[in-house]
C-alpha atoms as a PDB file:
ATOM      1  CA  UNK A   1     102.862 150.981 134.219  1.00  0.00           C
ATOM      2  CA  UNK A   2     100.176 151.724 136.808  1.00  0.00           C
ATOM      3  CA  UNK A   3      96.910 149.785 136.614  1.00  0.00           C
ATOM      4  CA  UNK A   4      93.791 151.944 136.740  1.00  0.00           C
ATOM      5  CA  UNK A   5      90.382 150.344 137.298  1.00  0.00           C
ATOM      6  CA  UNK A   6      87.178 152.394 136.993  1.00  0.00           C
ATOM      7  CA  UNK A   7      83.655 151.172 137.526  1.00  0.00           C
ATOM      8  CA  UNK A   8      81.134 151.877 134.776  1.00  0.00           C
ATOM      9  CA  UNK A   9      78.345 151.303 137.292  1.00  0.00           C
ATOM     10  CA  UNK A  10      77.847 154.061 139.915  1.00  0.00           C
ATOM     11  CA  UNK A  11      76.688 151.456 142.483  1.00  0.00           C
ATOM     12  CA  UNK A  12      80.057 149.659 142.367  1.00  0.00           C
ATOM     13  CA  UNK A  13      83.214 151.139 143.763  1.00  0.00           C
ATOM     14  CA  UNK A  14      86.798 149.931 143.421  1.00  0.00           C
ATOM     15  CA  UNK A  15      88.524 149.590 146.790  1.00  0.00           C
ATOM     16  CA  UNK A  16      91.874 148.158 145.800  1.00  0.00           C
ATOM     17  CA  UNK A  17      93.841 146.983 142.740  1.00  0.00           C
ATOM     18  CA  UNK A  18      96.412 144.258 143.159  1.00  0.00           C
ATOM     19  CA  UNK A  19      98.934 144.404 141.717  1.00  0.00           C
ATOM     20  CA  UNK A  20      98.891 148.129 141.322  1.00  0.00           C
ATOM     21  CA  UNK A  21     101.549 148.134 138.553  1.00  0.00           C
ATOM     22  CA  UNK A  22     102.842 145.801 135.856  1.00  0.00           C
ATOM     23  CA  UNK A  23     106.136 145.745 134.056  1.00  0.00           C
ATOM     24  CA  UNK A  24     105.872 145.922 130.255  1.00  0.00           C
ATOM     25  CA  UNK A  25     108.869 145.013 128.143  1.00  0.00           C
ATOM     26  CA  UNK A  26     108.721 146.162 124.531  1.00  0.00           C
ATOM     27  CA  UNK A  27     110.851 144.399 121.988  1.00  0.00           C
ATOM     28  CA  UNK A  28     111.346 145.547 118.417  1.00  0.00           C
ATOM     29  CA  UNK A  29     109.726 143.490 115.659  1.00  0.00           C
ATOM     30  CA  UNK A  30     112.083 142.238 112.951  1.00  0.00           C
ATOM     31  CA  UNK A  31     111.342 140.755 109.556  1.00  0.00           C
ATOM     32  CA  UNK A  32     113.062 138.154 107.406  1.00  0.00           C
ATOM     33  CA  UNK A  33     112.265 136.701 103.983  1.00  0.00           C
ATOM     34  CA  UNK A  34     112.529 132.917 103.685  1.00  0.00           C
ATOM     35  CA  UNK A  35     112.186 130.330 100.952  1.00  0.00           C
ATOM     36  CA  UNK A  36     109.402 127.781 101.559  1.00  0.00           C
ATOM     37  CA  UNK A  37     110.280 124.084 101.832  1.00  0.00           C
ATOM     38  CA  UNK A  38     107.682 121.452 100.929  1.00  0.00           C
ATOM     39  CA  UNK A  39     107.690 118.554 103.410  1.00  0.00           C
ATOM     40  CA  UNK A  40     106.019 115.364 102.178  1.00  0.00           C
ATOM     41  CA  UNK A  41     104.303 113.649 105.132  1.00  0.00           C
ATOM     42  CA  UNK A  42     103.562 110.350 103.356  1.00  0.00           C
ATOM     43  CA  UNK A  43     104.533 108.933 100.019  1.00  0.00           C
ATOM     44  CA  UNK A  44     102.415 108.334  96.947  1.00  0.00           C
ATOM     45  CA  UNK A  45     101.317 104.709  96.273  1.00  0.00           C
ATOM     46  CA  UNK A  46     103.551 102.147  94.583  1.00  0.00           C
ATOM     47  CA  UNK A  47     103.550 102.618  90.818  1.00  0.00           C
ATOM     48  CA  UNK A  48     103.223 106.398  91.027  1.00  0.00           C
ATOM     49  CA  UNK A  49     105.947 109.051  91.135  1.00  0.00           C
ATOM     50  CA  UNK A  50     105.780 112.671  92.188  1.00  0.00           C
ATOM     51  CA  UNK A  51     107.270 115.555  90.279  1.00  0.00           C
ATOM     52  CA  UNK A  52     108.899 118.660  91.692  1.00  0.00           C
ATOM     53  CA  UNK A  53     106.543 120.805  93.804  1.00  0.00           C
ATOM     54  CA  UNK A  54     105.601 124.222  92.418  1.00  0.00           C
ATOM     55  CA  UNK A  55     104.821 126.891  95.037  1.00  0.00           C
ATOM     56  CA  UNK A  56     102.983 130.145  94.637  1.00  0.00           C
ATOM     57  CA  UNK A  57     104.523 132.210  96.130  1.00  0.00           C
ATOM     58  CA  UNK A  58     107.944 130.613  96.695  1.00  0.00           C
ATOM     59  CA  UNK A  59     109.030 132.926  99.535  1.00  0.00           C
ATOM     60  CA  UNK A  60     107.312 134.465 102.554  1.00  0.00           C
ATOM     61  CA  UNK A  61     108.032 137.224 105.021  1.00  0.00           C
ATOM     62  CA  UNK A  62     108.182 136.256 108.682  1.00  0.00           C
ATOM     63  CA  UNK A  63     108.038 138.789 111.499  1.00  0.00           C
ATOM     64  CA  UNK A  64     108.336 138.641 115.251  1.00  0.00           C
ATOM     65  CA  UNK A  65     110.686 139.477 118.077  1.00  0.00           C
ATOM     66  CA  UNK A  66     114.386 139.145 117.305  1.00  0.00           C
ATOM     67  CA  UNK A  67     114.884 136.290 119.789  1.00  0.00           C
ATOM     68  CA  UNK A  68     112.137 134.214 118.079  1.00  0.00           C
ATOM     69  CA  UNK A  69     113.185 135.070 114.507  1.00  0.00           C
ATOM     70  CA  UNK A  70     116.745 133.945 115.366  1.00  0.00           C
ATOM     71  CA  UNK A  71     115.344 130.465 116.166  1.00  0.00           C
ATOM     72  CA  UNK A  72     113.737 130.066 112.736  1.00  0.00           C
ATOM     73  CA  UNK A  73     115.509 127.629 110.425  1.00  0.00           C
ATOM     74  CA  UNK A  74     112.842 127.235 107.750  1.00  0.00           C
ATOM     75  CA  UNK A  75     109.235 127.731 106.735  1.00  0.00           C
ATOM     76  CA  UNK A  76     107.541 124.485 105.689  1.00  0.00           C
ATOM     77  CA  UNK A  77     104.462 123.580 103.677  1.00  0.00           C
ATOM     78  CA  UNK A  78     103.455 120.089 104.895  1.00  0.00           C
ATOM     79  CA  UNK A  79     101.697 117.924 102.278  1.00  0.00           C
ATOM     80  CA  UNK A  80     100.322 114.389 102.775  1.00  0.00           C
ATOM     81  CA  UNK A  81     100.423 112.294  99.591  1.00  0.00           C
ATOM     82  CA  UNK A  82      99.157 108.999 101.042  1.00  0.00           C
ATOM     83  CA  UNK A  83      96.935 107.289  98.484  1.00  0.00           C
ATOM     84  CA  UNK A  84      97.291 110.133  95.976  1.00  0.00           C
ATOM     85  CA  UNK A  85      97.120 109.040  92.328  1.00  0.00           C
ATOM     86  CA  UNK A  86      96.355 112.417  90.719  1.00  0.00           C
ATOM     87  CA  UNK A  87      98.059 115.819  90.739  1.00  0.00           C
ATOM     88  CA  UNK A  88      97.855 117.661  94.057  1.00  0.00           C
ATOM     89  CA  UNK A  89      96.891 121.336  93.789  1.00  0.00           C
ATOM     90  CA  UNK A  90      95.836 122.855  97.099  1.00  0.00           C
ATOM     91  CA  UNK A  91      96.334 125.710  99.561  1.00  0.00           C
ATOM     92  CA  UNK A  92      98.629 124.748 102.430  1.00  0.00           C
ATOM     93  CA  UNK A  93      98.982 126.485 105.804  1.00  0.00           C
ATOM     94  CA  UNK A  94     102.633 127.258 106.482  1.00  0.00           C
ATOM     95  CA  UNK A  95     104.576 126.391 109.626  1.00  0.00           C
ATOM     96  CA  UNK A  96     107.740 127.904 111.094  1.00  0.00           C
ATOM     97  CA  UNK A  97     110.349 125.385 112.330  1.00  0.00           C
ATOM     98  CA  UNK A  98     113.647 125.369 114.215  1.00  0.00           C
ATOM     99  CA  UNK A  99     116.701 123.454 112.990  1.00  0.00           C
ATOM    100  CA  UNK A 100     115.486 120.445 115.027  1.00  0.00           C
ATOM    101  CA  UNK A 101     112.053 120.553 113.356  1.00  0.00           C
ATOM    102  CA  UNK A 102     110.186 121.966 116.370  1.00  0.00           C
ATOM    103  CA  UNK A 103     107.329 124.351 115.621  1.00  0.00           C
ATOM    104  CA  UNK A 104     107.650 127.970 116.743  1.00  0.00           C
ATOM    105  CA  UNK A 105     104.607 130.031 117.697  1.00  0.00           C
ATOM    106  CA  UNK A 106     104.110 133.806 117.980  1.00  0.00           C
ATOM    107  CA  UNK A 107     105.671 134.455 114.580  1.00  0.00           C
ATOM    108  CA  UNK A 108     103.651 136.041 111.820  1.00  0.00           C
ATOM    109  CA  UNK A 109     103.935 134.510 108.348  1.00  0.00           C
ATOM    110  CA  UNK A 110     102.849 136.596 105.378  1.00  0.00           C
ATOM    111  CA  UNK A 111     101.111 135.153 103.468  1.00  0.00           C
ATOM    112  CA  UNK A 112     100.040 132.426 105.953  1.00  0.00           C
ATOM    113  CA  UNK A 113      99.098 129.972 103.160  1.00  0.00           C
ATOM    114  CA  UNK A 114     100.552 129.140  99.755  1.00  0.00           C
ATOM    115  CA  UNK A 115      99.309 127.137  96.810  1.00  0.00           C
ATOM    116  CA  UNK A 116     101.222 123.880  96.262  1.00  0.00           C
ATOM    117  CA  UNK A 117     101.082 121.955  92.992  1.00  0.00           C
ATOM    118  CA  UNK A 118     102.691 118.502  92.948  1.00  0.00           C
ATOM    119  CA  UNK A 119     102.384 116.558  89.696  1.00  0.00           C
ATOM    120  CA  UNK A 120     101.719 112.827  90.176  1.00  0.00           C
ATOM    121  CA  UNK A 121     102.527 110.459  87.306  1.00  0.00           C
ATOM    122  CA  UNK A 122     101.635 106.813  87.015  1.00  0.00           C
ATOM    123  CA  UNK A 123     104.747 104.802  86.135  1.00  0.00           C
ATOM    124  CA  UNK A 124     103.570 101.233  86.656  1.00  0.00           C
ATOM    125  CA  UNK A 125     100.360  99.798  85.282  1.00  0.00           C
ATOM    126  CA  UNK A 126      98.438  96.540  85.778  1.00  0.00           C
ATOM    127  CA  UNK A 127      97.039  94.262  83.120  1.00  0.00           C
ATOM    128  CA  UNK A 128      95.151  90.975  83.267  1.00  0.00           C
ATOM    129  CA  UNK A 129      96.791  88.311  81.090  1.00  0.00           C
ATOM    130  CA  UNK A 130      95.138  85.016  80.175  1.00  0.00           C
ATOM    131  CA  UNK A 131      96.874  81.783  81.142  1.00  0.00           C
ATOM    132  CA  UNK A 132      97.376  79.566  78.076  1.00  0.00           C
ATOM    133  CA  UNK A 133      98.148  75.922  78.851  1.00  0.00           C
ATOM    134  CA  UNK A 134     100.690  74.343  76.509  1.00  0.00           C
ATOM    135  CA  UNK A 135     100.287  70.636  75.727  1.00  0.00           C
ATOM    136  CA  UNK A 136     103.533  68.685  75.411  1.00  0.00           C
ATOM    137  CA  UNK A 137     102.133  65.623  73.624  1.00  0.00           C
ATOM    138  CA  UNK A 138      99.034  64.551  71.838  1.00  0.00           C
ATOM    139  CA  UNK A 139      97.088  61.756  73.497  1.00  0.00           C
ATOM    140  CA  UNK A 140      97.686  58.198  72.332  1.00  0.00           C
ATOM    141  CA  UNK A 141      95.598  56.859  69.466  1.00  0.00           C
ATOM    142  CA  UNK A 142      92.006  56.400  70.462  1.00  0.00           C
ATOM    143  CA  UNK A 143      92.143  59.097  73.165  1.00  0.00           C
ATOM    144  CA  UNK A 144      91.429  62.795  73.099  1.00  0.00           C
ATOM    145  CA  UNK A 145      91.660  65.699  75.494  1.00  0.00           C
ATOM    146  CA  UNK A 146      88.090  66.324  76.606  1.00  0.00           C
ATOM    147  CA  UNK A 147      88.707  69.545  78.542  1.00  0.00           C
ATOM    148  CA  UNK A 148      91.399  71.688  80.027  1.00  0.00           C
ATOM    149  CA  UNK A 149      90.524  73.683  83.119  1.00  0.00           C
ATOM    150  CA  UNK A 150      92.695  76.631  84.076  1.00  0.00           C
ATOM    151  CA  UNK A 151      92.493  78.081  87.581  1.00  0.00           C
ATOM    152  CA  UNK A 152      92.933  81.003  87.804  1.00  0.00           C
ATOM    153  CA  UNK A 153      91.897  82.027  84.291  1.00  0.00           C
ATOM    154  CA  UNK A 154      94.313  84.949  84.252  1.00  0.00           C
ATOM    155  CA  UNK A 155      97.077  86.627  86.193  1.00  0.00           C
ATOM    156  CA  UNK A 156      97.757  90.295  86.844  1.00  0.00           C
ATOM    157  CA  UNK A 157     101.085  91.575  85.541  1.00  0.00           C
ATOM    158  CA  UNK A 158     102.608  94.935  86.485  1.00  0.00           C
ATOM    159  CA  UNK A 159     104.938  97.039  84.374  1.00  0.00           C
ATOM    160  CA  UNK A 160     105.403 100.144  82.293  1.00  0.00           C
ATOM    161  CA  UNK A 161     102.992 100.889  79.465  1.00  0.00           C
ATOM    162  CA  UNK A 162     105.650 100.015  76.896  1.00  0.00           C
ATOM    163  CA  UNK A 163     106.400  96.723  78.632  1.00  0.00           C
ATOM    164  CA  UNK A 164     102.739  95.741  78.971  1.00  0.00           C
ATOM    165  CA  UNK A 165     102.119  96.413  75.259  1.00  0.00           C
ATOM    166  CA  UNK A 166     104.524  93.545  74.462  1.00  0.00           C
ATOM    167  CA  UNK A 167     102.961  91.084  76.904  1.00  0.00           C
ATOM    168  CA  UNK A 168     100.899  88.246  75.442  1.00  0.00           C
ATOM    169  CA  UNK A 169      99.193  85.322  77.147  1.00  0.00           C
ATOM    170  CA  UNK A 170     101.024  83.610  79.999  1.00  0.00           C
ATOM    171  CA  UNK A 171     101.990  80.242  78.490  1.00  0.00           C
ATOM    172  CA  UNK A 172     102.450  77.376  80.931  1.00  0.00           C
ATOM    173  CA  UNK A 173     105.316  74.929  80.916  1.00  0.00           C
ATOM    174  CA  UNK A 174     104.490  71.960  78.639  1.00  0.00           C
ATOM    175  CA  UNK A 175     101.855  69.693  80.190  1.00  0.00           C
ATOM    176  CA  UNK A 176     102.083  65.924  79.486  1.00  0.00           C
END
């Protein structure tokens, strides 16, 4: 294709154009529909569990040159759950990846973002439980226990809601 340069200003003239031509290669654009894969970048905190992700939409159309589309292995929606203790419901920008996980550019994704809903459920709970000292014997005649000091006053126990409902005070081994 020849390159033509014209001056919009009458006081400026074009003496030479280098290069005088360029080669243009046209490649056909192809399309392919793909299912979206959610990729969790970091896990939810201990004591919480994530449910199955729900995507809207679940598939996208990718388009580009045939040589680039042939490299595509999957379309991913990356989501970071670090520190998340509530349901995640957010728009996520999609990425196109090869089978080795490398990102591919110059591919159009339609739509470019999807809504991802990931339910987060608390499975383990914490509860403070009082420490109850257990006396093994009564003091000898003429003596009495003036005070019992407990340090710490309570402990934190972790478990399911059903398990924590059955937990009473933490009783010590018998103290003589």
